[in-house]
Each structure stands twice: as C-alpha cells, then as structure tokens.
Amino acid sequence: MKRSFRLIKDKYFLSTLILLLILIAFEDTNIYRQFKSLNKLSELQEVNDLKRIEIEKIKVKINELTTNPEELEKFARETYRMKKANEVIFLFVEEDKQ
C-alpha cells in the first residue's frame, strides 16, 4: 500500500499520467480519431482498388471497340439501338407483374 501511494505521489508518474490522459482524450489527434481515420483510410483504399479494376475493364472494352468493327457494331446496336438501312427492329418491353 505504501509503495502504490508513493508511486502516485511521484511527480514523473503524475506528469506522465496527465500527458497520456491529454493525448488520449483531449487532443485533436486523440486515439479515437486515429482509429476512425485508419478505418476510413482502409475503406477508401478498397474503393480505390475497385475503381482501378473498373478502369482496367473499361480500357479493355475501349481497346476492343477501337480494333474490332464487329464489336463496335454490336455495341452501337445494343446501346444506341442503331440499325442498318431497310432494317426493322422490334423492341420487347416486359411489363411489371404486381
């Protein structure tokens, strides 16, 4: 009991304890905010990786469209509903079943 009381009275122990309390609770860069920032950083890195994969897929698609005329025609027909002269296109629209 005397030893723990002596430890609490020690000025270096008290100053260290006060410093840790300030760093943990009251500073702008406290531990809670650090963990929150690290969590946000990991989420943003995951989103960045997904975007990078999506960009690679788009680059491959652009390469296919610029080098392959059949692929370009297929893309134009499916996306923009383009057609050749004297050609008829039938569009089937599904009704919502409620």
PDB file of N, CA and C in Angstrom:
ATOM      1  N   MET A   1       0.813  -1.182   0.000  1.00  0.00           N
ATOM      2  CA  MET A   1       0.000   0.000   0.000  1.00  0.00           C
ATOM      3  C   MET A   1       0.868   1.262   0.000  1.00  0.00           C
ATOM      4  N   LYS A   2       1.930   1.230   0.793  1.00  0.00           N
ATOM      5  CA  LYS A   2       2.835   2.377   0.831  1.00  0.00           C
ATOM      6  C   LYS A   2       3.494   2.596  -0.525  1.00  0.00           C
ATOM      7  N   ARG A   3       3.833   1.478  -1.183  1.00  0.00           N
ATOM      8  CA  ARG A   3       4.509   1.566  -2.484  1.00  0.00           C
ATOM      9  C   ARG A   3       3.600   2.205  -3.523  1.00  0.00           C
ATOM     10  N   SER A   4       2.344   1.816  -3.587  1.00  0.00           N
ATOM     11  CA  SER A   4       1.431   2.398  -4.564  1.00  0.00           C
ATOM     12  C   SER A   4       1.153   3.865  -4.246  1.00  0.00           C
ATOM     13  N   PHE A   5       1.060   4.206  -2.964  1.00  0.00           N
ATOM     14  CA  PHE A   5       0.861   5.594  -2.568  1.00  0.00           C
ATOM     15  C   PHE A   5       2.079   6.439  -2.951  1.00  0.00           C
ATOM     16  N   ARG A   6       3.259   5.882  -2.789  1.00  0.00           N
ATOM     17  CA  ARG A   6       4.494   6.572  -3.140  1.00  0.00           C
ATOM     18  C   ARG A   6       4.566   6.763  -4.661  1.00  0.00           C
ATOM     19  N   LEU A   7       4.090   5.766  -5.407  1.00  0.00           N
ATOM     20  CA  LEU A   7       4.082   5.860  -6.868  1.00  0.00           C
ATOM     21  C   LEU A   7       3.146   6.966  -7.337  1.00  0.00           C
ATOM     22  N   ILE A   8       2.001   7.099  -6.691  1.00  0.00           N
ATOM     23  CA  ILE A   8       1.045   8.146  -7.063  1.00  0.00           C
ATOM     24  C   ILE A   8       1.605   9.529  -6.733  1.00  0.00           C
ATOM     25  N   LYS A   9       2.374   9.644  -5.687  1.00  0.00           N
ATOM     26  CA  LYS A   9       2.963  10.932  -5.308  1.00  0.00           C
ATOM     27  C   LYS A   9       4.149  11.324  -6.193  1.00  0.00           C
ATOM     28  N   ASP A  10       4.696  10.380  -6.933  1.00  0.00           N
ATOM     29  CA  ASP A  10       5.877  10.653  -7.754  1.00  0.00           C
ATOM     30  C   ASP A  10       5.506  11.651  -8.859  1.00  0.00           C
ATOM     31  N   LYS A  11       6.294  12.729  -8.989  1.00  0.00           N
ATOM     32  CA  LYS A  11       5.963  13.780  -9.956  1.00  0.00           C
ATOM     33  C   LYS A  11       6.126  13.304 -11.400  1.00  0.00           C
ATOM     34  N   TYR A  12       7.050  12.403 -11.669  1.00  0.00           N
ATOM     35  CA  TYR A  12       7.236  11.903 -13.028  1.00  0.00           C
ATOM     36  C   TYR A  12       6.073  10.996 -13.432  1.00  0.00           C
ATOM     37  N   PHE A  13       5.619  10.193 -12.493  1.00  0.00           N
ATOM     38  CA  PHE A  13       4.474   9.334 -12.775  1.00  0.00           C
ATOM     39  C   PHE A  13       3.229  10.176 -13.018  1.00  0.00           C
ATOM     40  N   LEU A  14       3.008  11.181 -12.187  1.00  0.00           N
ATOM     41  CA  LEU A  14       1.841  12.047 -12.350  1.00  0.00           C
ATOM     42  C   LEU A  14       1.894  12.823 -13.661  1.00  0.00           C
ATOM     43  N   SER A  15       3.046  13.341 -14.006  1.00  0.00           N
ATOM     44  CA  SER A  15       3.154  14.096 -15.259  1.00  0.00           C
ATOM     45  C   SER A  15       2.955  13.187 -16.465  1.00  0.00           C
ATOM     46  N   THR A  16       3.475  11.973 -16.394  1.00  0.00           N
ATOM     47  CA  THR A  16       3.264  11.014 -17.486  1.00  0.00           C
ATOM     48  C   THR A  16       1.795  10.635 -17.595  1.00  0.00           C
ATOM     49  N   LEU A  17       1.146  10.418 -16.464  1.00  0.00           N
ATOM     50  CA  LEU A  17      -0.264  10.067 -16.451  1.00  0.00           C
ATOM     51  C   LEU A  17      -1.122  11.201 -17.016  1.00  0.00           C
ATOM     52  N   ILE A  18      -0.809  12.425 -16.630  1.00  0.00           N
ATOM     53  CA  ILE A  18      -1.551  13.579 -17.149  1.00  0.00           C
ATOM     54  C   ILE A  18      -1.313  13.739 -18.645  1.00  0.00           C
ATOM     55  N   LEU A  19      -0.081  13.564 -19.094  1.00  0.00           N
ATOM     56  CA  LEU A  19       0.221  13.654 -20.520  1.00  0.00           C
ATOM     57  C   LEU A  19      -0.552  12.596 -21.311  1.00  0.00           C
ATOM     58  N   LEU A  20      -0.569  11.362 -20.821  1.00  0.00           N
ATOM     59  CA  LEU A  20      -1.316  10.303 -21.505  1.00  0.00           C
ATOM     60  C   LEU A  20      -2.813  10.600 -21.535  1.00  0.00           C
ATOM     61  N   LEU A  21      -3.332  11.121 -20.468  1.00  0.00           N
ATOM     62  CA  LEU A  21      -4.741  11.482 -20.425  1.00  0.00           C
ATOM     63  C   LEU A  21      -5.067  12.559 -21.444  1.00  0.00           C
ATOM     64  N   ILE A  22      -4.206  13.534 -21.541  1.00  0.00           N
ATOM     65  CA  ILE A  22      -4.412  14.605 -22.529  1.00  0.00           C
ATOM     66  C   ILE A  22      -4.337  14.043 -23.939  1.00  0.00           C
ATOM     67  N   LEU A  23      -3.356  13.203 -24.201  1.00  0.00           N
ATOM     68  CA  LEU A  23      -3.199  12.636 -25.540  1.00  0.00           C
ATOM     69  C   LEU A  23      -4.356  11.721 -25.916  1.00  0.00           C
ATOM     70  N   ILE A  24      -4.859  10.963 -24.957  1.00  0.00           N
ATOM     71  CA  ILE A  24      -5.933  10.014 -25.247  1.00  0.00           C
ATOM     72  C   ILE A  24      -7.267  10.719 -25.430  1.00  0.00           C
ATOM     73  N   ALA A  25      -7.550  11.714 -24.613  1.00  0.00           N
ATOM     74  CA  ALA A  25      -8.900  12.250 -24.575  1.00  0.00           C
ATOM     75  C   ALA A  25      -9.072  13.635 -25.182  1.00  0.00           C
ATOM     76  N   PHE A  26      -8.126  14.514 -25.005  1.00  0.00           N
ATOM     77  CA  PHE A  26      -8.401  15.916 -25.292  1.00  0.00           C
ATOM     78  C   PHE A  26      -7.726  16.482 -26.536  1.00  0.00           C
ATOM     79  N   GLU A  27      -6.758  15.863 -27.081  1.00  0.00           N
ATOM     80  CA  GLU A  27      -6.058  16.402 -28.236  1.00  0.00           C
ATOM     81  C   GLU A  27      -6.879  16.216 -29.515  1.00  0.00           C
ATOM     82  N   ASP A  28      -6.535  16.989 -30.543  1.00  0.00           N
ATOM     83  CA  ASP A  28      -7.202  16.843 -31.837  1.00  0.00           C
ATOM     84  C   ASP A  28      -6.872  15.503 -32.484  1.00  0.00           C
ATOM     85  N   THR A  29      -5.712  14.993 -32.188  1.00  0.00           N
ATOM     86  CA  THR A  29      -5.299  13.703 -32.737  1.00  0.00           C
ATOM     87  C   THR A  29      -5.373  12.631 -31.674  1.00  0.00           C
ATOM     88  N   ASN A  30      -6.533  12.512 -31.048  1.00  0.00           N
ATOM     89  CA  ASN A  30      -6.654  11.512 -29.996  1.00  0.00           C
ATOM     90  C   ASN A  30      -6.786  10.108 -30.592  1.00  0.00           C
ATOM     91  N   ILE A  31      -6.748   9.128 -29.747  1.00  0.00           N
ATOM     92  CA  ILE A  31      -6.728   7.733 -30.198  1.00  0.00           C
ATOM     93  C   ILE A  31      -8.010   7.372 -30.953  1.00  0.00           C
ATOM     94  N   TYR A  32      -9.148   7.850 -30.467  1.00  0.00           N
ATOM     95  CA  TYR A  32     -10.418   7.563 -31.141  1.00  0.00           C
ATOM     96  C   TYR A  32     -10.404   8.070 -32.578  1.00  0.00           C
ATOM     97  N   ARG A  33      -9.954   9.290 -32.759  1.00  0.00           N
ATOM     98  CA  ARG A  33      -9.899   9.853 -34.113  1.00  0.00           C
ATOM     99  C   ARG A  33      -8.873   9.129 -34.984  1.00  0.00           C
ATOM    100  N   GLN A  34      -7.797   8.674 -34.377  1.00  0.00           N
ATOM    101  CA  GLN A  34      -6.795   7.920 -35.136  1.00  0.00           C
ATOM    102  C   GLN A  34      -7.383   6.620 -35.674  1.00  0.00           C
ATOM    103  N   PHE A  35      -8.083   5.880 -34.819  1.00  0.00           N
ATOM    104  CA  PHE A  35      -8.710   4.639 -35.277  1.00  0.00           C
ATOM    105  C   PHE A  35      -9.786   4.910 -36.318  1.00  0.00           C
ATOM    106  N   LYS A  36     -10.544   5.980 -36.119  1.00  0.00           N
ATOM    107  CA  LYS A  36     -11.578   6.348 -37.079  1.00  0.00           C
ATOM    108  C   LYS A  36     -10.950   6.699 -38.436  1.00  0.00           C
ATOM    109  N   SER A  37      -9.852   7.427 -38.392  1.00  0.00           N
ATOM    110  CA  SER A  37      -9.157   7.798 -39.631  1.00  0.00           C
ATOM    111  C   SER A  37      -8.567   6.574 -40.334  1.00  0.00           C
ATOM    112  N   LEU A  38      -8.015   5.658 -39.572  1.00  0.00           N
ATOM    113  CA  LEU A  38      -7.470   4.436 -40.169  1.00  0.00           C
ATOM    114  C   LEU A  38      -8.571   3.601 -40.811  1.00  0.00           C
ATOM    115  N   ASN A  39      -9.723   3.533 -40.163  1.00  0.00           N
ATOM    116  CA  ASN A  39     -10.857   2.802 -40.717  1.00  0.00           C
ATOM    117  C   ASN A  39     -11.320   3.448 -42.016  1.00  0.00           C
ATOM    118  N   LYS A  40     -11.433   4.762 -42.028  1.00  0.00           N
ATOM    119  CA  LYS A  40     -11.837   5.490 -43.230  1.00  0.00           C
ATOM    120  C   LYS A  40     -10.811   5.295 -44.347  1.00  0.00           C
ATOM    121  N   LEU A  41      -9.535   5.298 -44.002  1.00  0.00           N
ATOM    122  CA  LEU A  41      -8.480   5.093 -44.981  1.00  0.00           C
ATOM    123  C   LEU A  41      -8.586   3.719 -45.631  1.00  0.00           C
ATOM    124  N   SER A  42      -8.829   2.695 -44.828  1.00  0.00           N
ATOM    125  CA  SER A  42      -8.955   1.350 -45.397  1.00  0.00           C
ATOM    126  C   SER A  42     -10.179   1.241 -46.301  1.00  0.00           C
ATOM    127  N   GLU A  43     -11.280   1.893 -45.930  1.00  0.00           N
ATOM    128  CA  GLU A  43     -12.467   1.893 -46.788  1.00  0.00           C
ATOM    129  C   GLU A  43     -12.178   2.586 -48.116  1.00  0.00           C
ATOM    130  N   LEU A  44     -11.487   3.719 -48.051  1.00  0.00           N
ATOM    131  CA  LEU A  44     -11.161   4.454 -49.275  1.00  0.00           C
ATOM    132  C   LEU A  44     -10.184   3.681 -50.159  1.00  0.00           C
ATOM    133  N   GLN A  45      -9.274   2.939 -49.559  1.00  0.00           N
ATOM    134  CA  GLN A  45      -8.366   2.118 -50.354  1.00  0.00           C
ATOM    135  C   GLN A  45      -9.109   0.998 -51.060  1.00  0.00           C
ATOM    136  N   GLU A  46     -10.107   0.410 -50.392  1.00  0.00           N
ATOM    137  CA  GLU A  46     -10.915  -0.625 -51.044  1.00  0.00           C
ATOM    138  C   GLU A  46     -11.687  -0.050 -52.219  1.00  0.00           C
ATOM    139  N   VAL A  47     -12.265   1.139 -52.029  1.00  0.00           N
ATOM    140  CA  VAL A  47     -12.996   1.792 -53.117  1.00  0.00           C
ATOM    141  C   VAL A  47     -12.040   2.117 -54.257  1.00  0.00           C
ATOM    142  N   ASN A  48     -10.849   2.562 -53.915  1.00  0.00           N
ATOM    143  CA  ASN A  48      -9.846   2.884 -54.925  1.00  0.00           C
ATOM    144  C   ASN A  48      -9.465   1.644 -55.729  1.00  0.00           C
ATOM    145  N   ASP A  49      -9.292   0.514 -55.060  1.00  0.00           N
ATOM    146  CA  ASP A  49      -8.968  -0.726 -55.756  1.00  0.00           C
ATOM    147  C   ASP A  49     -10.102  -1.150 -56.695  1.00  0.00           C
ATOM    148  N   LEU A  50     -11.345  -1.002 -56.227  1.00  0.00           N
ATOM    149  CA  LEU A  50     -12.489  -1.348 -57.082  1.00  0.00           C
ATOM    150  C   LEU A  50     -12.545  -0.434 -58.304  1.00  0.00           C
ATOM    151  N   LYS A  51     -12.291   0.841 -58.103  1.00  0.00           N
ATOM    152  CA  LYS A  51     -12.285   1.787 -59.238  1.00  0.00           C
ATOM    153  C   LYS A  51     -11.153   1.462 -60.209  1.00  0.00           C
ATOM    154  N   ARG A  52     -10.011   1.062 -59.674  1.00  0.00           N
ATOM    155  CA  ARG A  52      -8.882   0.709 -60.541  1.00  0.00           C
ATOM    156  C   ARG A  52      -9.228  -0.505 -61.408  1.00  0.00           C
ATOM    157  N   ILE A  53      -9.902  -1.495 -60.821  1.00  0.00           N
ATOM    158  CA  ILE A  53     -10.327  -2.676 -61.573  1.00  0.00           C
ATOM    159  C   ILE A  53     -11.339  -2.278 -62.635  1.00  0.00           C
ATOM    160  N   GLU A  54     -12.255  -1.388 -62.283  1.00  0.00           N
ATOM    161  CA  GLU A  54     -13.253  -0.925 -63.245  1.00  0.00           C
ATOM    162  C   GLU A  54     -12.597  -0.166 -64.396  1.00  0.00           C
ATOM    163  N   ILE A  55     -11.596   0.629 -64.105  1.00  0.00           N
ATOM    164  CA  ILE A  55     -10.876   1.364 -65.148  1.00  0.00           C
ATOM    165  C   ILE A  55     -10.179   0.397 -66.097  1.00  0.00           C
ATOM    166  N   GLU A  56      -9.587  -0.660 -65.556  1.00  0.00           N
ATOM    167  CA  GLU A  56      -8.929  -1.657 -66.406  1.00  0.00           C
ATOM    168  C   GLU A  56      -9.939  -2.332 -67.334  1.00  0.00           C
ATOM    169  N   LYS A  57     -11.123  -2.655 -66.822  1.00  0.00           N
ATOM    170  CA  LYS A  57     -12.164  -3.264 -67.657  1.00  0.00           C
ATOM    171  C   LYS A  57     -12.591  -2.316 -68.768  1.00  0.00           C
ATOM    172  N   ILE A  58     -12.710  -1.037 -68.438  1.00  0.00           N
ATOM    173  CA  ILE A  58     -13.111  -0.051 -69.438  1.00  0.00           C
ATOM    174  C   ILE A  58     -12.031   0.110 -70.497  1.00  0.00           C
ATOM    175  N   LYS A  59     -10.766   0.072 -70.085  1.00  0.00           N
ATOM    176  CA  LYS A  59      -9.667   0.159 -71.066  1.00  0.00           C
ATOM    177  C   LYS A  59      -9.695  -1.016 -72.035  1.00  0.00           C
ATOM    178  N   VAL A  60      -9.974  -2.208 -71.511  1.00  0.00           N
ATOM    179  CA  VAL A  60     -10.064  -3.397 -72.369  1.00  0.00           C
ATOM    180  C   VAL A  60     -11.227  -3.242 -73.335  1.00  0.00           C
ATOM    181  N   LYS A  61     -12.373  -2.755 -72.843  1.00  0.00           N
ATOM    182  CA  LYS A  61     -13.551  -2.562 -73.696  1.00  0.00           C
ATOM    183  C   LYS A  61     -13.274  -1.519 -74.779  1.00  0.00           C
ATOM    184  N   ILE A  62     -12.598  -0.442 -74.418  1.00  0.00           N
ATOM    185  CA  ILE A  62     -12.257   0.595 -75.408  1.00  0.00           C
ATOM    186  C   ILE A  62     -11.323   0.028 -76.462  1.00  0.00           C
ATOM    187  N   ASN A  63     -10.360  -0.782 -76.046  1.00  0.00           N
ATOM    188  CA  ASN A  63      -9.441  -1.405 -76.994  1.00  0.00           C
ATOM    189  C   ASN A  63     -10.199  -2.316 -77.955  1.00  0.00           C
ATOM    190  N   GLU A  64     -11.150  -3.096 -77.429  1.00  0.00           N
ATOM    191  CA  GLU A  64     -11.948  -3.964 -78.290  1.00  0.00           C
ATOM    192  C   GLU A  64     -12.773  -3.153 -79.281  1.00  0.00           C
ATOM    193  N   LEU A  65     -13.370  -2.056 -78.816  1.00  0.00           N
ATOM    194  CA  LEU A  65     -14.219  -1.241 -79.691  1.00  0.00           C
ATOM    195  C   LEU A  65     -13.419  -0.518 -80.765  1.00  0.00           C
ATOM    196  N   THR A  66     -12.201  -0.142 -80.468  1.00  0.00           N
ATOM    197  CA  THR A  66     -11.410   0.583 -81.472  1.00  0.00           C
ATOM    198  C   THR A  66     -10.733  -0.343 -82.466  1.00  0.00           C
ATOM    199  N   THR A  67     -10.546  -1.612 -82.117  1.00  0.00           N
ATOM    200  CA  THR A  67      -9.832  -2.508 -83.016  1.00  0.00           C
ATOM    201  C   THR A  67     -10.743  -3.496 -83.743  1.00  0.00           C
ATOM    202  N   ASN A  68     -11.922  -3.771 -83.208  1.00  0.00           N
ATOM    203  CA  ASN A  68     -12.793  -4.792 -83.776  1.00  0.00           C
ATOM    204  C   ASN A  68     -14.085  -4.140 -84.283  1.00  0.00           C
ATOM    205  N   PRO A  69     -14.292  -4.086 -85.623  1.00  0.00           N
ATOM    206  CA  PRO A  69     -15.501  -3.443 -86.153  1.00  0.00           C
ATOM    207  C   PRO A  69     -16.794  -4.195 -85.790  1.00  0.00           C
ATOM    208  N   GLU A  70     -16.727  -5.507 -85.671  1.00  0.00           N
ATOM    209  CA  GLU A  70     -17.924  -6.265 -85.303  1.00  0.00           C
ATOM    210  C   GLU A  70     -18.353  -5.924 -83.875  1.00  0.00           C
ATOM    211  N   GLU A  71     -17.382  -5.786 -83.005  1.00  0.00           N
ATOM    212  CA  GLU A  71     -17.681  -5.427 -81.612  1.00  0.00           C
ATOM    213  C   GLU A  71     -18.257  -4.010 -81.527  1.00  0.00           C
ATOM    214  N   LEU A  72     -17.731  -3.109 -82.356  1.00  0.00           N
ATOM    215  CA  LEU A  72     -18.250  -1.743 -82.393  1.00  0.00           C
ATOM    216  C   LEU A  72     -19.691  -1.728 -82.880  1.00  0.00           C
ATOM    217  N   GLU A  73     -19.985  -2.509 -83.918  1.00  0.00           N
ATOM    218  CA  GLU A  73     -21.361  -2.580 -84.429  1.00  0.00           C
ATOM    219  C   GLU A  73     -22.299  -3.164 -83.367  1.00  0.00           C
ATOM    220  N   LYS A  74     -21.874  -4.207 -82.699  1.00  0.00           N
ATOM    221  CA  LYS A  74     -22.682  -4.821 -81.640  1.00  0.00           C
ATOM    222  C   LYS A  74     -22.957  -3.810 -80.521  1.00  0.00           C
ATOM    223  N   PHE A  75     -21.937  -3.055 -80.137  1.00  0.00           N
ATOM    224  CA  PHE A  75     -22.099  -2.051 -79.083  1.00  0.00           C
ATOM    225  C   PHE A  75     -23.080  -0.968 -79.516  1.00  0.00           C
ATOM    226  N   ALA A  76     -22.958  -0.496 -80.746  1.00  0.00           N
ATOM    227  CA  ALA A  76     -23.850   0.554 -81.246  1.00  0.00           C
ATOM    228  C   ALA A  76     -25.288   0.064 -81.318  1.00  0.00           C
ATOM    229  N   ARG A  77     -25.489  -1.183 -81.761  1.00  0.00           N
ATOM    230  CA  ARG A  77     -26.841  -1.727 -81.858  1.00  0.00           C
ATOM    231  C   ARG A  77     -27.462  -1.920 -80.474  1.00  0.00           C
ATOM    232  N   GLU A  78     -26.699  -2.426 -79.515  1.00  0.00           N
ATOM    233  CA  GLU A  78     -27.249  -2.701 -78.194  1.00  0.00           C
ATOM    234  C   GLU A  78     -27.435  -1.438 -77.360  1.00  0.00           C
ATOM    235  N   THR A  79     -26.499  -0.535 -77.431  1.00  0.00           N
ATOM    236  CA  THR A  79     -26.547   0.638 -76.574  1.00  0.00           C
ATOM    237  C   THR A  79     -27.410   1.750 -77.156  1.00  0.00           C
ATOM    238  N   TYR A  80     -27.202   2.065 -78.413  1.00  0.00           N
ATOM    239  CA  TYR A  80     -27.881   3.205 -79.019  1.00  0.00           C
ATOM    240  C   TYR A  80     -29.015   2.797 -79.966  1.00  0.00           C
ATOM    241  N   ARG A  81     -29.281   1.509 -80.058  1.00  0.00           N
ATOM    242  CA  ARG A  81     -30.351   0.953 -80.907  1.00  0.00           C
ATOM    243  C   ARG A  81     -30.239   1.441 -82.354  1.00  0.00           C
ATOM    244  N   MET A  82     -29.019   1.441 -82.858  1.00  0.00           N
ATOM    245  CA  MET A  82     -28.793   1.828 -84.251  1.00  0.00           C
ATOM    246  C   MET A  82     -29.158   0.666 -85.159  1.00  0.00           C
ATOM    247  N   LYS A  83     -29.470   0.999 -86.399  1.00  0.00           N
ATOM    248  CA  LYS A  83     -29.860  -0.045 -87.341  1.00  0.00           C
ATOM    249  C   LYS A  83     -29.322   0.308 -88.713  1.00  0.00           C
ATOM    250  N   LYS A  84     -29.302  -0.703 -89.555  1.00  0.00           N
ATOM    251  CA  LYS A  84     -28.894  -0.502 -90.937  1.00  0.00           C
ATOM    252  C   LYS A  84     -30.089  -0.022 -91.736  1.00  0.00           C
ATOM    253  N   ALA A  85     -29.820   0.468 -92.936  1.00  0.00           N
ATOM    254  CA  ALA A  85     -30.911   0.908 -93.814  1.00  0.00           C
ATOM    255  C   ALA A  85     -31.776  -0.299 -94.175  1.00  0.00           C
ATOM    256  N   ASN A  86     -33.069  -0.079 -94.309  1.00  0.00           N
ATOM    257  CA  ASN A  86     -34.053  -1.107 -94.658  1.00  0.00           C
ATOM    258  C   ASN A  86     -34.057  -2.258 -93.649  1.00  0.00           C
ATOM    259  N   GLU A  87     -33.850  -1.940 -92.399  1.00  0.00           N
ATOM    260  CA  GLU A  87     -33.853  -2.954 -91.359  1.00  0.00           C
ATOM    261  C   GLU A  87     -34.908  -2.564 -90.316  1.00  0.00           C
ATOM    262  N   VAL A  88     -35.613  -3.561 -89.804  1.00  0.00           N
ATOM    263  CA  VAL A  88     -36.651  -3.312 -88.810  1.00  0.00           C
ATOM    264  C   VAL A  88     -36.190  -3.895 -87.473  1.00  0.00           C
ATOM    265  N   ILE A  89     -36.388  -3.111 -86.413  1.00  0.00           N
ATOM    266  CA  ILE A  89     -36.003  -3.557 -85.086  1.00  0.00           C
ATOM    267  C   ILE A  89     -37.259  -3.660 -84.226  1.00  0.00           C
ATOM    268  N   PHE A  90     -37.398  -4.799 -83.561  1.00  0.00           N
ATOM    269  CA  PHE A  90     -38.505  -4.996 -82.644  1.00  0.00           C
ATOM    270  C   PHE A  90     -37.964  -4.942 -81.223  1.00  0.00           C
ATOM    271  N   LEU A  91     -38.558  -4.101 -80.403  1.00  0.00           N
ATOM    272  CA  LEU A  91     -38.171  -3.974 -79.008  1.00  0.00           C
ATOM    273  C   LEU A  91     -39.269  -4.605 -78.143  1.00  0.00           C
ATOM    274  N   PHE A  92     -38.899  -5.513 -77.301  1.00  0.00           N
ATOM    275  CA  PHE A  92     -39.840  -6.164 -76.399  1.00  0.00           C
ATOM    276  C   PHE A  92     -39.639  -5.585 -74.997  1.00  0.00           C
ATOM    277  N   VAL A  93     -40.719  -5.044 -74.470  1.00  0.00           N
ATOM    278  CA  VAL A  93     -40.666  -4.442 -73.148  1.00  0.00           C
ATOM    279  C   VAL A  93     -41.482  -5.328 -72.199  1.00  0.00           C
ATOM    280  N   GLU A  94     -40.842  -5.744 -71.121  1.00  0.00           N
ATOM    281  CA  GLU A  94     -41.541  -6.567 -70.152  1.00  0.00           C
ATOM    282  C   GLU A  94     -42.329  -5.676 -69.198  1.00  0.00           C
ATOM    283  N   GLU A  95     -43.570  -6.084 -68.942  1.00  0.00           N
ATOM    284  CA  GLU A  95     -44.408  -5.317 -68.012  1.00  0.00           C
ATOM    285  C   GLU A  95     -44.146  -5.811 -66.594  1.00  0.00           C
ATOM    286  N   ASP A  96     -44.283  -4.904 -65.648  1.00  0.00           N
ATOM    287  CA  ASP A  96     -44.117  -5.286 -64.248  1.00  0.00           C
ATOM    288  C   ASP A  96     -45.322  -6.089 -63.803  1.00  0.00           C
ATOM    289  N   LYS A  97     -45.058  -7.239 -63.176  1.00  0.00           N
ATOM    290  CA  LYS A  97     -46.130  -8.076 -62.653  1.00  0.00           C
ATOM    291  C   LYS A  97     -46.295  -7.772 -61.175  1.00  0.00           C
ATOM    292  N   GLN A  98     -47.405  -7.157 -60.851  1.00  0.00           N
ATOM    293  CA  GLN A  98     -47.626  -6.799 -59.447  1.00  0.00           C
ATOM    294  C   GLN A  98     -48.860  -7.441 -58.913  1.00  0.00           C
TER     295      GLN A  98
END
